[in-house]
Amino acid sequence: MDLLEAAMWVALGFFTTLAGLEVAWREVGLRKKEQEAALV
């Protein structure tokens, strides 16, 4: 049971990190688009 719980926490941490990275990449993409729009 402890092993299953540990695996669950690892998976939860992994998905949380993945979601955080996705949001970060989206922020970076928006900033790049804004900079390109400002340059044009």
PDB file of N, CA and C in Angstrom:
ATOM      1  N   MET A   1       0.841  -1.205   0.000  1.00  0.00           N
ATOM      2  CA  MET A   1       0.000   0.000   0.000  1.00  0.00           C
ATOM      3  C   MET A   1       0.876   1.254   0.000  1.00  0.00           C
ATOM      4  N   ASP A   2       1.969   1.209   0.776  1.00  0.00           N
ATOM      5  CA  ASP A   2       2.864   2.371   0.833  1.00  0.00           C
ATOM      6  C   ASP A   2       3.516   2.624  -0.528  1.00  0.00           C
ATOM      7  N   LEU A   3       3.873   1.538  -1.212  1.00  0.00           N
ATOM      8  CA  LEU A   3       4.506   1.662  -2.529  1.00  0.00           C
ATOM      9  C   LEU A   3       3.536   2.299  -3.521  1.00  0.00           C
ATOM     10  N   LEU A   4       2.281   1.871  -3.463  1.00  0.00           N
ATOM     11  CA  LEU A   4       1.254   2.420  -4.350  1.00  0.00           C
ATOM     12  C   LEU A   4       1.050   3.907  -4.067  1.00  0.00           C
ATOM     13  N   GLU A   5       1.036   4.258  -2.783  1.00  0.00           N
ATOM     14  CA  GLU A   5       0.859   5.656  -2.388  1.00  0.00           C
ATOM     15  C   GLU A   5       2.043   6.499  -2.862  1.00  0.00           C
ATOM     16  N   ALA A   6       3.247   5.948  -2.738  1.00  0.00           N
ATOM     17  CA  ALA A   6       4.450   6.652  -3.185  1.00  0.00           C
ATOM     18  C   ALA A   6       4.401   6.873  -4.697  1.00  0.00           C
ATOM     19  N   ALA A   7       3.989   5.839  -5.423  1.00  0.00           N
ATOM     20  CA  ALA A   7       3.889   5.947  -6.879  1.00  0.00           C
ATOM     21  C   ALA A   7       2.863   7.005  -7.264  1.00  0.00           C
ATOM     22  N   MET A   8       1.773   7.068  -6.500  1.00  0.00           N
ATOM     23  CA  MET A   8       0.727   8.051  -6.760  1.00  0.00           C
ATOM     24  C   MET A   8       1.265   9.469  -6.571  1.00  0.00           C
ATOM     25  N   TRP A   9       2.036   9.674  -5.504  1.00  0.00           N
ATOM     26  CA  TRP A   9       2.602  11.000  -5.241  1.00  0.00           C
ATOM     27  C   TRP A   9       3.610  11.391  -6.318  1.00  0.00           C
ATOM     28  N   VAL A  10       4.407  10.416  -6.774  1.00  0.00           N
ATOM     29  CA  VAL A  10       5.382  10.689  -7.835  1.00  0.00           C
ATOM     30  C   VAL A  10       4.658  11.096  -9.116  1.00  0.00           C
ATOM     31  N   ALA A  11       3.588  10.359  -9.440  1.00  0.00           N
ATOM     32  CA  ALA A  11       2.806  10.671 -10.638  1.00  0.00           C
ATOM     33  C   ALA A  11       2.171  12.051 -10.519  1.00  0.00           C
ATOM     34  N   LEU A  12       1.650  12.353  -9.337  1.00  0.00           N
ATOM     35  CA  LEU A  12       1.019  13.650  -9.102  1.00  0.00           C
ATOM     36  C   LEU A  12       2.039  14.777  -9.276  1.00  0.00           C
ATOM     37  N   GLY A  13       3.229  14.590  -8.714  1.00  0.00           N
ATOM     38  CA  GLY A  13       4.286  15.587  -8.841  1.00  0.00           C
ATOM     39  C   GLY A  13       4.709  15.757 -10.294  1.00  0.00           C
ATOM     40  N   PHE A  14       4.779  14.629 -11.012  1.00  0.00           N
ATOM     41  CA  PHE A  14       5.185  14.662 -12.414  1.00  0.00           C
ATOM     42  C   PHE A  14       4.186  15.449 -13.257  1.00  0.00           C
ATOM     43  N   PHE A  15       2.892  15.142 -13.073  1.00  0.00           N
ATOM     44  CA  PHE A  15       1.859  15.833 -13.853  1.00  0.00           C
ATOM     45  C   PHE A  15       1.775  17.310 -13.486  1.00  0.00           C
ATOM     46  N   THR A  16       1.993  17.624 -12.198  1.00  0.00           N
ATOM     47  CA  THR A  16       1.969  19.020 -11.757  1.00  0.00           C
ATOM     48  C   THR A  16       3.111  19.786 -12.420  1.00  0.00           C
ATOM     49  N   THR A  17       4.297  19.158 -12.453  1.00  0.00           N
ATOM     50  CA  THR A  17       5.458  19.781 -13.092  1.00  0.00           C
ATOM     51  C   THR A  17       5.198  19.968 -14.582  1.00  0.00           C
ATOM     52  N   LEU A  18       4.609  18.947 -15.201  1.00  0.00           N
ATOM     53  CA  LEU A  18       4.314  18.997 -16.630  1.00  0.00           C
ATOM     54  C   LEU A  18       3.348  20.140 -16.938  1.00  0.00           C
ATOM     55  N   ALA A  19       2.307  20.272 -16.113  1.00  0.00           N
ATOM     56  CA  ALA A  19       1.324  21.341 -16.299  1.00  0.00           C
ATOM     57  C   ALA A  19       1.994  22.704 -16.119  1.00  0.00           C
ATOM     58  N   GLY A  20       2.875  22.805 -15.125  1.00  0.00           N
ATOM     59  CA  GLY A  20       3.588  24.060 -14.874  1.00  0.00           C
ATOM     60  C   GLY A  20       4.467  24.441 -16.053  1.00  0.00           C
ATOM     61  N   LEU A  21       5.152  23.446 -16.623  1.00  0.00           N
ATOM     62  CA  LEU A  21       6.004  23.705 -17.780  1.00  0.00           C
ATOM     63  C   LEU A  21       5.175  24.151 -18.981  1.00  0.00           C
ATOM     64  N   GLU A  22       4.012  23.530 -19.157  1.00  0.00           N
ATOM     65  CA  GLU A  22       3.140  23.893 -20.280  1.00  0.00           C
ATOM     66  C   GLU A  22       2.702  25.345 -20.167  1.00  0.00           C
ATOM     67  N   VAL A  23       2.326  25.754 -18.959  1.00  0.00           N
ATOM     68  CA  VAL A  23       1.916  27.143 -18.718  1.00  0.00           C
ATOM     69  C   VAL A  23       3.094  28.077 -18.976  1.00  0.00           C
ATOM     70  N   ALA A  24       4.280  27.685 -18.523  1.00  0.00           N
ATOM     71  CA  ALA A  24       5.477  28.510 -18.711  1.00  0.00           C
ATOM     72  C   ALA A  24       5.781  28.678 -20.200  1.00  0.00           C
ATOM     73  N   TRP A  25       5.699  27.582 -20.965  1.00  0.00           N
ATOM     74  CA  TRP A  25       5.960  27.662 -22.403  1.00  0.00           C
ATOM     75  C   TRP A  25       4.940  28.561 -23.093  1.00  0.00           C
ATOM     76  N   ARG A  26       3.671  28.499 -22.635  1.00  0.00           N
ATOM     77  CA  ARG A  26       2.621  29.340 -23.213  1.00  0.00           C
ATOM     78  C   ARG A  26       2.927  30.808 -22.945  1.00  0.00           C
ATOM     79  N   GLU A  27       3.393  31.107 -21.725  1.00  0.00           N
ATOM     80  CA  GLU A  27       3.760  32.484 -21.364  1.00  0.00           C
ATOM     81  C   GLU A  27       4.898  32.968 -22.258  1.00  0.00           C
ATOM     82  N   VAL A  28       5.902  32.118 -22.450  1.00  0.00           N
ATOM     83  CA  VAL A  28       7.043  32.475 -23.301  1.00  0.00           C
ATOM     84  C   VAL A  28       6.572  32.726 -24.731  1.00  0.00           C
ATOM     85  N   GLY A  29       5.681  31.874 -25.221  1.00  0.00           N
ATOM     86  CA  GLY A  29       5.152  32.026 -26.576  1.00  0.00           C
ATOM     87  C   GLY A  29       4.393  33.331 -26.739  1.00  0.00           C
ATOM     88  N   LEU A  30       3.595  33.695 -25.740  1.00  0.00           N
ATOM     89  CA  LEU A  30       2.836  34.942 -25.800  1.00  0.00           C
ATOM     90  C   LEU A  30       3.775  36.139 -25.809  1.00  0.00           C
ATOM     91  N   ARG A  31       4.818  36.091 -25.003  1.00  0.00           N
ATOM     92  CA  ARG A  31       5.779  37.203 -24.951  1.00  0.00           C
ATOM     93  C   ARG A  31       6.496  37.354 -26.280  1.00  0.00           C
ATOM     94  N   LYS A  32       6.859  36.227 -26.903  1.00  0.00           N
ATOM     95  CA  LYS A  32       7.528  36.286 -28.203  1.00  0.00           C
ATOM     96  C   LYS A  32       6.603  36.906 -29.244  1.00  0.00           C
ATOM     97  N   LYS A  33       5.332  36.528 -29.233  1.00  0.00           N
ATOM     98  CA  LYS A  33       4.368  37.087 -30.185  1.00  0.00           C
ATOM     99  C   LYS A  33       4.202  38.581 -29.961  1.00  0.00           C
ATOM    100  N   GLU A  34       4.166  38.996 -28.697  1.00  0.00           N
ATOM    101  CA  GLU A  34       4.025  40.423 -28.386  1.00  0.00           C
ATOM    102  C   GLU A  34       5.246  41.195 -28.874  1.00  0.00           C
ATOM    103  N   GLN A  35       6.440  40.621 -28.682  1.00  0.00           N
ATOM    104  CA  GLN A  35       7.667  41.281 -29.134  1.00  0.00           C
ATOM    105  C   GLN A  35       7.682  41.386 -30.658  1.00  0.00           C
ATOM    106  N   GLU A  36       7.281  40.323 -31.340  1.00  0.00           N
ATOM    107  CA  GLU A  36       7.239  40.341 -32.804  1.00  0.00           C
ATOM    108  C   GLU A  36       6.240  41.379 -33.300  1.00  0.00           C
ATOM    109  N   ALA A  37       5.096  41.476 -32.628  1.00  0.00           N
ATOM    110  CA  ALA A  37       4.077  42.450 -33.009  1.00  0.00           C
ATOM    111  C   ALA A  37       4.595  43.866 -32.783  1.00  0.00           C
ATOM    112  N   ALA A  38       5.380  44.052 -31.721  1.00  0.00           N
ATOM    113  CA  ALA A  38       5.922  45.373 -31.410  1.00  0.00           C
ATOM    114  C   ALA A  38       6.988  45.760 -32.435  1.00  0.00           C
ATOM    115  N   LEU A  39       7.738  44.768 -32.924  1.00  0.00           N
ATOM    116  CA  LEU A  39       8.792  45.047 -33.900  1.00  0.00           C
ATOM    117  C   LEU A  39       8.206  45.417 -35.257  1.00  0.00           C
ATOM    118  N   VAL A  40       7.102  44.791 -35.621  1.00  0.00           N
ATOM    119  CA  VAL A  40       6.504  45.036 -36.944  1.00  0.00           C
ATOM    120  C   VAL A  40       5.888  46.420 -37.007  1.00  0.00           C
TER     121      VAL A  40
END
